[in-house]
Amino acid sequence: MMDSEKIKQGVALILEGIGEDTSREGLLDTPDRIARMCEEIFGGLEQDAAEHFVKKFHATNNNMVLEKDITFYSVCEHHLLPFYGKAHVAYIPNDKVAGLSKIARTVEVFARRPQIQENMTAQIADALEEHLEPKGVMVLLEAEHMCMTMRGVQKPGTKTVTTIVRGAFADDMMLQQTFLQMVNK
Protein backbone atom coordinates (compact mmCIF):
# COMPACT_ATOMS: atom_id res chain seq x y z
CA MET A 1 0.00 0.00 0.00
CA MET A 2 1.31 3.42 -0.93
CA ASP A 3 2.20 5.92 1.75
CA SER A 4 1.30 9.36 0.38
CA GLU A 5 2.88 11.19 3.29
CA LYS A 6 6.26 9.53 2.72
CA ILE A 7 6.06 10.35 -0.98
CA LYS A 8 5.29 14.00 -0.19
CA GLN A 9 8.19 14.19 2.27
CA GLY A 10 10.53 12.58 -0.25
CA VAL A 11 9.53 14.96 -3.04
CA ALA A 12 10.05 17.94 -0.72
CA LEU A 13 13.52 16.62 0.14
CA ILE A 14 14.42 16.18 -3.52
CA LEU A 15 13.29 19.73 -4.31
CA GLU A 16 15.33 21.06 -1.40
CA GLY A 17 18.26 18.86 -2.46
CA ILE A 18 18.39 20.39 -5.93
CA GLY A 19 18.34 23.86 -4.40
CA GLU A 20 14.70 24.77 -4.94
CA ASP A 21 12.55 26.84 -2.60
CA THR A 22 9.65 24.54 -1.65
CA SER A 23 7.63 27.57 -0.52
CA ARG A 24 7.75 29.03 -4.04
CA GLU A 25 4.25 29.39 -5.52
CA GLY A 26 4.81 26.92 -8.38
CA LEU A 27 6.09 24.22 -6.01
CA LEU A 28 3.65 24.55 -3.10
CA ASP A 29 1.39 21.72 -4.25
CA THR A 30 4.02 19.69 -6.12
CA PRO A 31 4.58 17.09 -3.37
CA ASP A 32 0.83 16.41 -3.23
CA ARG A 33 0.54 16.24 -7.04
CA ILE A 34 3.45 13.79 -7.22
CA ALA A 35 1.90 11.60 -4.50
CA ARG A 36 -1.37 11.43 -6.44
CA MET A 37 0.54 10.74 -9.67
CA CYS A 38 2.37 7.84 -7.98
CA GLU A 39 -0.96 6.22 -7.07
CA GLU A 40 -1.86 6.27 -10.75
CA ILE A 41 1.40 5.35 -12.47
CA PHE A 42 2.40 2.72 -9.89
CA GLY A 43 -1.12 1.32 -9.41
CA GLY A 44 -0.04 -2.02 -10.88
CA LEU A 45 1.84 -2.75 -7.65
CA GLU A 46 -1.52 -3.28 -5.98
CA GLN A 47 -3.05 -5.32 -8.80
CA ASP A 48 -2.87 -8.99 -9.71
CA ALA A 49 -3.09 -9.96 -13.39
CA ALA A 50 -5.17 -12.98 -12.33
CA GLU A 51 -8.21 -10.74 -11.84
CA HIS A 52 -8.38 -10.22 -15.59
CA PHE A 53 -8.51 -13.93 -16.34
CA VAL A 54 -11.31 -14.96 -14.00
CA LYS A 55 -13.76 -15.25 -16.89
CA LYS A 56 -12.68 -17.34 -19.88
CA PHE A 57 -14.57 -18.49 -22.93
CA HIS A 58 -14.54 -21.81 -24.76
CA ALA A 59 -12.98 -21.52 -28.23
CA THR A 60 -13.23 -23.99 -31.06
CA ASN A 61 -10.74 -22.01 -33.15
CA ASN A 62 -7.32 -22.62 -31.68
CA ASN A 63 -5.37 -20.43 -34.09
CA MET A 64 -3.28 -17.46 -33.06
CA VAL A 65 -4.91 -14.60 -31.18
CA LEU A 66 -2.92 -11.36 -31.49
CA GLU A 67 -3.48 -8.08 -29.72
CA LYS A 68 -1.11 -5.56 -31.26
CA ASP A 69 -0.20 -1.92 -30.77
CA ILE A 70 -1.20 -1.86 -27.10
CA THR A 71 0.15 1.49 -25.92
CA PHE A 72 1.82 1.39 -22.51
CA TYR A 73 3.66 3.76 -20.20
CA SER A 74 5.98 2.50 -17.50
CA VAL A 75 8.78 3.79 -15.27
CA CYS A 76 12.36 2.54 -15.33
CA GLU A 77 13.24 1.18 -11.89
CA HIS A 78 16.85 2.32 -12.27
CA HIS A 79 16.25 6.02 -12.94
CA LEU A 80 12.53 6.53 -12.18
CA LEU A 81 12.11 7.96 -15.67
CA PRO A 82 9.37 6.89 -18.08
CA PHE A 83 9.62 4.41 -20.89
CA TYR A 84 6.74 4.00 -23.26
CA GLY A 85 5.80 2.17 -26.39
CA LYS A 86 3.72 -0.63 -27.84
CA ALA A 87 3.11 -4.18 -26.72
CA HIS A 88 2.22 -6.97 -29.15
CA VAL A 89 0.87 -10.09 -27.43
CA ALA A 90 -0.14 -13.37 -29.08
CA TYR A 91 -1.18 -16.77 -27.85
CA ILE A 92 -2.43 -20.04 -29.27
CA PRO A 93 -5.57 -20.97 -27.31
CA ASN A 94 -5.90 -24.37 -25.74
CA ASP A 95 -9.72 -24.48 -25.93
CA LYS A 96 -10.16 -21.26 -23.90
CA VAL A 97 -9.69 -17.56 -24.57
CA ALA A 98 -9.85 -14.39 -22.53
CA GLY A 99 -11.94 -11.36 -23.39
CA LEU A 100 -10.00 -9.17 -25.81
CA SER A 101 -9.59 -6.26 -23.39
CA LYS A 102 -8.03 -8.56 -20.82
CA ILE A 103 -4.74 -8.75 -22.70
CA ALA A 104 -4.42 -4.95 -22.72
CA ARG A 105 -5.38 -4.84 -19.03
CA THR A 106 -2.68 -7.39 -18.27
CA VAL A 107 -0.09 -5.24 -20.05
CA GLU A 108 -1.24 -2.30 -17.88
CA VAL A 109 -0.87 -4.26 -14.63
CA PHE A 110 2.82 -4.84 -15.33
CA ALA A 111 3.50 -1.46 -16.95
CA ARG A 112 2.22 0.39 -13.89
CA ARG A 113 5.14 -0.69 -11.72
CA PRO A 114 8.76 0.42 -11.39
CA GLN A 115 10.10 -1.98 -13.96
CA ILE A 116 12.61 -2.92 -16.59
CA GLN A 117 11.34 -3.76 -20.05
CA GLU A 118 12.99 -7.18 -20.12
CA ASN A 119 11.11 -8.29 -16.99
CA MET A 120 7.84 -6.74 -18.11
CA THR A 121 7.98 -8.78 -21.33
CA ALA A 122 8.42 -12.01 -19.36
CA GLN A 123 5.77 -11.10 -16.78
CA ILE A 124 3.13 -10.62 -19.48
CA ALA A 125 4.00 -14.00 -21.01
CA ASP A 126 4.02 -15.65 -17.57
CA ALA A 127 0.54 -14.31 -16.78
CA LEU A 128 -0.92 -15.63 -20.03
CA GLU A 129 0.73 -19.02 -19.54
CA GLU A 130 -0.45 -19.32 -15.96
CA HIS A 131 -4.03 -18.19 -16.43
CA LEU A 132 -4.92 -19.33 -19.96
CA GLU A 133 -2.65 -22.37 -20.28
CA PRO A 134 -2.23 -21.75 -24.02
CA LYS A 135 -0.31 -23.91 -26.47
CA GLY A 136 2.10 -21.02 -26.96
CA VAL A 137 2.76 -17.35 -26.18
CA MET A 138 4.78 -14.65 -27.91
CA VAL A 139 5.25 -11.13 -26.56
CA LEU A 140 7.12 -8.28 -28.23
CA LEU A 141 7.58 -4.88 -26.58
CA GLU A 142 9.09 -1.88 -28.30
CA ALA A 143 9.74 1.22 -26.22
CA GLU A 144 11.59 4.50 -25.99
CA HIS A 145 13.34 5.04 -22.67
CA MET A 146 13.66 8.56 -21.29
CA CYS A 147 16.76 7.43 -19.36
CA MET A 148 18.42 7.16 -22.81
CA THR A 149 16.72 10.21 -24.29
CA MET A 150 16.97 12.91 -21.58
CA ARG A 151 20.14 11.84 -19.81
CA GLY A 152 23.12 9.59 -20.27
CA VAL A 153 23.68 8.81 -23.95
CA GLN A 154 20.90 11.27 -25.02
CA LYS A 155 19.70 9.48 -28.15
CA PRO A 156 16.03 10.40 -28.78
CA GLY A 157 14.10 8.03 -31.00
CA THR A 158 16.12 4.97 -30.02
CA LYS A 159 13.81 2.02 -29.42
CA THR A 160 14.46 -1.04 -27.33
CA VAL A 161 12.75 -4.24 -28.52
CA THR A 162 12.30 -7.28 -26.27
CA THR A 163 10.66 -10.60 -27.08
CA ILE A 164 9.64 -13.78 -25.33
CA VAL A 165 8.60 -16.96 -27.11
CA ARG A 166 7.09 -19.91 -25.29
CA GLY A 167 5.52 -23.24 -26.21
CA ALA A 168 4.43 -23.57 -29.84
CA PHE A 169 6.09 -20.25 -30.72
CA ALA A 170 9.44 -21.46 -29.44
CA ASP A 171 9.17 -24.63 -31.51
CA ASP A 172 7.91 -23.14 -34.77
CA MET A 173 9.86 -20.44 -36.63
CA MET A 174 7.03 -20.09 -39.17
CA LEU A 175 4.66 -19.21 -36.34
CA GLN A 176 7.12 -16.57 -35.13
CA GLN A 177 7.36 -15.19 -38.68
CA THR A 178 3.57 -15.06 -38.95
CA PHE A 179 3.43 -13.13 -35.67
CA LEU A 180 6.06 -10.64 -36.89
CA GLN A 181 4.30 -10.18 -40.25
CA MET A 182 0.99 -9.51 -38.49
CA VAL A 183 2.62 -7.01 -36.10
CA ASN A 184 4.26 -5.16 -39.00
CA LYS A 185 1.06 -4.85 -41.13
Foldseek 3Di string as FASTA:
>chain_A
DDDLVVQLVVVVVVCVVVPHDCVPPVNVCVSVVVSVVLCVLQVLVVDDLLVQLPDKDFDPQQDKDKDWFLWAWAAALVPRFIKIFIKIKMFGAPRIGGPPVSLSVLLSSLRSRNDDPQVSQVSSLVSCCVRRVTQKMKMKTKIDTVCCCVDDVNDPPDIDIDMDIDHPVVVDVVSVVVSVVVNVD
